[in-house]
Amino acid sequence: MAMTLRLPADLDAELRAAAEEDHRSVQQAVVHAIETYLAIRETVQIKSDPDTLRALAEAREAVRAGDVVYGTEAVRALVKGRRAS
């Protein structure tokens, strides 16, 4: 998606300086900033959802207890075993 970004002069100068310091193009710096913003936003959404936090806690506990399977073959065997039950 092509877009034009109009920034105030002071913000434009800061962005260019930051991009240069990070050895990135301005394009790369903007993409990185947007990706970071979206990741933070997603984290806030997850942390504000009690059901999601509960599911994550249960998943961590399952891993600690060894109640996990790895690989597609293990998952297929598990699903097949559940269908047979």
N, C-alpha and C. Protein backbone atom coordinates (compact mmCIF):
# COMPACT_ATOMS: atom_id res chain seq x y z
N MET A 1 0.84 -1.17 0.00
CA MET A 1 0.00 0.00 0.00
C MET A 1 0.89 1.23 0.00
N ALA A 2 0.71 2.04 -0.96
CA ALA A 2 1.48 3.28 -1.04
C ALA A 2 0.73 4.37 -0.28
N MET A 3 1.48 5.20 0.43
CA MET A 3 0.84 6.29 1.14
C MET A 3 1.81 7.45 1.28
N THR A 4 1.24 8.61 1.46
CA THR A 4 2.04 9.81 1.70
C THR A 4 1.85 10.18 3.15
N LEU A 5 2.94 10.47 3.82
CA LEU A 5 2.90 10.83 5.23
C LEU A 5 3.40 12.26 5.37
N ARG A 6 2.53 13.14 5.83
CA ARG A 6 2.93 14.53 6.04
C ARG A 6 3.15 14.73 7.54
N LEU A 7 4.37 15.10 7.88
CA LEU A 7 4.73 15.28 9.28
C LEU A 7 5.09 16.73 9.55
N PRO A 8 4.86 17.20 10.77
CA PRO A 8 5.38 18.52 11.13
C PRO A 8 6.90 18.51 10.98
N ALA A 9 7.48 19.64 10.68
CA ALA A 9 8.91 19.73 10.40
C ALA A 9 9.77 19.18 11.54
N ASP A 10 9.41 19.46 12.79
CA ASP A 10 10.23 18.98 13.90
C ASP A 10 10.17 17.46 14.03
N LEU A 11 9.00 16.87 13.81
CA LEU A 11 8.87 15.41 13.86
C LEU A 11 9.60 14.76 12.69
N ASP A 12 9.52 15.37 11.53
CA ASP A 12 10.23 14.87 10.36
C ASP A 12 11.73 14.85 10.62
N ALA A 13 12.24 15.90 11.21
CA ALA A 13 13.68 15.98 11.51
C ALA A 13 14.08 14.91 12.52
N GLU A 14 13.24 14.72 13.54
CA GLU A 14 13.52 13.69 14.55
C GLU A 14 13.51 12.30 13.92
N LEU A 15 12.54 12.06 13.06
CA LEU A 15 12.45 10.76 12.38
C LEU A 15 13.67 10.51 11.53
N ARG A 16 14.07 11.49 10.76
CA ARG A 16 15.26 11.32 9.91
C ARG A 16 16.51 11.07 10.73
N ALA A 17 16.66 11.79 11.84
CA ALA A 17 17.83 11.61 12.70
C ALA A 17 17.82 10.21 13.32
N ALA A 18 16.65 9.77 13.80
CA ALA A 18 16.54 8.44 14.39
C ALA A 18 16.84 7.36 13.36
N ALA A 19 16.31 7.51 12.17
CA ALA A 19 16.56 6.53 11.11
C ALA A 19 18.05 6.45 10.80
N GLU A 20 18.69 7.59 10.73
CA GLU A 20 20.13 7.61 10.45
C GLU A 20 20.91 6.94 11.58
N GLU A 21 20.57 7.26 12.83
CA GLU A 21 21.25 6.65 13.98
C GLU A 21 21.08 5.13 14.00
N ASP A 22 19.90 4.67 13.59
CA ASP A 22 19.61 3.23 13.58
C ASP A 22 20.05 2.54 12.29
N HIS A 23 20.68 3.30 11.40
CA HIS A 23 21.13 2.76 10.11
C HIS A 23 19.97 2.14 9.34
N ARG A 24 18.86 2.87 9.31
CA ARG A 24 17.66 2.46 8.58
C ARG A 24 17.28 3.57 7.62
N SER A 25 16.49 3.20 6.63
CA SER A 25 15.89 4.24 5.80
C SER A 25 14.71 4.82 6.59
N VAL A 26 14.24 5.98 6.18
CA VAL A 26 13.07 6.57 6.83
C VAL A 26 11.89 5.61 6.67
N GLN A 27 11.75 5.01 5.52
CA GLN A 27 10.69 4.02 5.27
C GLN A 27 10.76 2.89 6.29
N GLN A 28 11.96 2.34 6.50
CA GLN A 28 12.12 1.24 7.46
C GLN A 28 11.80 1.70 8.88
N ALA A 29 12.19 2.92 9.22
CA ALA A 29 11.91 3.45 10.55
C ALA A 29 10.41 3.61 10.77
N VAL A 30 9.71 4.09 9.77
CA VAL A 30 8.26 4.26 9.88
C VAL A 30 7.58 2.90 10.00
N VAL A 31 7.97 1.95 9.18
CA VAL A 31 7.38 0.61 9.25
C VAL A 31 7.63 0.00 10.62
N HIS A 32 8.86 0.13 11.12
CA HIS A 32 9.19 -0.40 12.44
C HIS A 32 8.34 0.27 13.53
N ALA A 33 8.17 1.57 13.44
CA ALA A 33 7.35 2.30 14.43
C ALA A 33 5.90 1.82 14.40
N ILE A 34 5.37 1.61 13.22
CA ILE A 34 3.99 1.14 13.10
C ILE A 34 3.86 -0.28 13.64
N GLU A 35 4.82 -1.15 13.30
CA GLU A 35 4.78 -2.53 13.82
C GLU A 35 4.85 -2.54 15.35
N THR A 36 5.70 -1.70 15.90
CA THR A 36 5.83 -1.61 17.35
C THR A 36 4.53 -1.11 17.98
N TYR A 37 3.96 -0.09 17.40
CA TYR A 37 2.68 0.45 17.90
C TYR A 37 1.60 -0.63 17.89
N LEU A 38 1.48 -1.36 16.79
CA LEU A 38 0.45 -2.40 16.68
C LEU A 38 0.69 -3.53 17.68
N ALA A 39 1.96 -3.89 17.91
CA ALA A 39 2.27 -4.94 18.88
C ALA A 39 1.91 -4.49 20.29
N ILE A 40 2.22 -3.25 20.63
CA ILE A 40 1.88 -2.73 21.95
C ILE A 40 0.36 -2.70 22.12
N ARG A 41 -0.31 -2.28 21.09
CA ARG A 41 -1.78 -2.21 21.13
C ARG A 41 -2.38 -3.59 21.35
N GLU A 42 -1.84 -4.59 20.66
CA GLU A 42 -2.32 -5.96 20.82
C GLU A 42 -2.06 -6.46 22.25
N THR A 43 -0.88 -6.13 22.79
CA THR A 43 -0.55 -6.53 24.15
C THR A 43 -1.52 -5.92 25.15
N VAL A 44 -1.86 -4.66 24.96
CA VAL A 44 -2.82 -4.00 25.85
C VAL A 44 -4.18 -4.69 25.76
N GLN A 45 -4.58 -5.05 24.55
CA GLN A 45 -5.87 -5.74 24.39
C GLN A 45 -5.86 -7.08 25.10
N ILE A 46 -4.77 -7.82 24.98
CA ILE A 46 -4.66 -9.13 25.62
C ILE A 46 -4.68 -8.98 27.13
N LYS A 47 -3.90 -8.03 27.64
CA LYS A 47 -3.82 -7.84 29.09
C LYS A 47 -5.10 -7.31 29.70
N SER A 48 -5.98 -6.76 28.89
CA SER A 48 -7.23 -6.24 29.43
C SER A 48 -8.39 -7.23 29.28
N ASP A 49 -8.11 -8.41 28.75
CA ASP A 49 -9.15 -9.43 28.56
C ASP A 49 -8.96 -10.56 29.57
N PRO A 50 -9.78 -10.63 30.60
CA PRO A 50 -9.62 -11.66 31.63
C PRO A 50 -9.67 -13.09 31.09
N ASP A 51 -10.50 -13.34 30.11
CA ASP A 51 -10.59 -14.70 29.54
C ASP A 51 -9.30 -15.10 28.86
N THR A 52 -8.71 -14.17 28.14
CA THR A 52 -7.44 -14.45 27.46
C THR A 52 -6.33 -14.67 28.48
N LEU A 53 -6.28 -13.84 29.52
CA LEU A 53 -5.27 -14.01 30.57
C LEU A 53 -5.43 -15.35 31.27
N ARG A 54 -6.66 -15.75 31.52
CA ARG A 54 -6.92 -17.04 32.15
C ARG A 54 -6.45 -18.18 31.24
N ALA A 55 -6.75 -18.08 29.95
CA ALA A 55 -6.33 -19.12 29.00
C ALA A 55 -4.80 -19.20 28.91
N LEU A 56 -4.14 -18.06 28.94
CA LEU A 56 -2.67 -18.06 28.92
C LEU A 56 -2.10 -18.70 30.18
N ALA A 57 -2.70 -18.40 31.33
CA ALA A 57 -2.24 -19.01 32.59
C ALA A 57 -2.43 -20.52 32.55
N GLU A 58 -3.57 -20.97 32.03
CA GLU A 58 -3.82 -22.41 31.91
C GLU A 58 -2.81 -23.06 30.96
N ALA A 59 -2.50 -22.38 29.89
CA ALA A 59 -1.53 -22.93 28.93
C ALA A 59 -0.15 -23.03 29.56
N ARG A 60 0.26 -22.01 30.32
CA ARG A 60 1.56 -22.06 31.01
C ARG A 60 1.60 -23.23 31.99
N GLU A 61 0.52 -23.42 32.72
CA GLU A 61 0.46 -24.51 33.68
C GLU A 61 0.52 -25.86 32.97
N ALA A 62 -0.14 -25.99 31.84
CA ALA A 62 -0.08 -27.23 31.06
C ALA A 62 1.34 -27.53 30.61
N VAL A 63 2.05 -26.49 30.19
CA VAL A 63 3.45 -26.69 29.77
C VAL A 63 4.29 -27.13 30.97
N ARG A 64 4.11 -26.46 32.12
CA ARG A 64 4.86 -26.84 33.32
C ARG A 64 4.58 -28.29 33.72
N ALA A 65 3.34 -28.71 33.54
CA ALA A 65 2.95 -30.07 33.92
C ALA A 65 3.32 -31.10 32.86
N GLY A 66 3.81 -30.65 31.71
CA GLY A 66 4.18 -31.57 30.64
C GLY A 66 3.00 -32.04 29.83
N ASP A 67 1.88 -31.37 29.96
CA ASP A 67 0.65 -31.75 29.26
C ASP A 67 0.58 -31.05 27.91
N VAL A 68 1.58 -31.31 27.08
CA VAL A 68 1.65 -30.69 25.75
C VAL A 68 2.15 -31.73 24.75
N VAL A 69 1.87 -31.48 23.50
CA VAL A 69 2.42 -32.32 22.44
C VAL A 69 3.13 -31.41 21.45
N TYR A 70 4.12 -31.95 20.79
CA TYR A 70 4.89 -31.18 19.82
C TYR A 70 4.85 -31.88 18.47
N GLY A 71 4.71 -31.11 17.42
CA GLY A 71 4.75 -31.64 16.07
C GLY A 71 3.39 -32.05 15.55
N THR A 72 3.26 -32.01 14.25
CA THR A 72 1.97 -32.29 13.64
C THR A 72 1.54 -33.74 13.82
N GLU A 73 2.49 -34.67 13.80
CA GLU A 73 2.13 -36.08 13.96
C GLU A 73 1.57 -36.34 15.36
N ALA A 74 2.16 -35.72 16.37
CA ALA A 74 1.67 -35.89 17.74
C ALA A 74 0.27 -35.31 17.88
N VAL A 75 0.02 -34.18 17.26
CA VAL A 75 -1.30 -33.57 17.31
C VAL A 75 -2.31 -34.45 16.60
N ARG A 76 -1.95 -34.97 15.44
CA ARG A 76 -2.87 -35.87 14.71
C ARG A 76 -3.20 -37.10 15.54
N ALA A 77 -2.20 -37.68 16.20
CA ALA A 77 -2.44 -38.85 17.03
C ALA A 77 -3.35 -38.51 18.19
N LEU A 78 -3.16 -37.35 18.78
CA LEU A 78 -4.00 -36.92 19.90
C LEU A 78 -5.45 -36.73 19.45
N VAL A 79 -5.63 -36.07 18.32
CA VAL A 79 -6.98 -35.82 17.79
C VAL A 79 -7.62 -37.15 17.42
N LYS A 80 -6.88 -38.03 16.80
CA LYS A 80 -7.41 -39.33 16.43
C LYS A 80 -7.84 -40.11 17.66
N GLY A 81 -7.03 -40.05 18.71
CA GLY A 81 -7.37 -40.73 19.97
C GLY A 81 -8.63 -40.15 20.60
N ARG A 82 -8.83 -38.86 20.50
CA ARG A 82 -10.04 -38.24 21.05
C ARG A 82 -11.28 -38.63 20.27
N ARG A 83 -11.14 -38.77 18.95
CA ARG A 83 -12.28 -39.18 18.13
C ARG A 83 -12.69 -40.60 18.46
N ALA A 84 -11.71 -41.45 18.77
CA ALA A 84 -11.99 -42.84 19.08
C ALA A 84 -12.67 -42.99 20.44
N SER A 85 -12.47 -42.01 21.32
CA SER A 85 -13.06 -42.10 22.68
C SER A 85 -14.53 -41.83 22.69
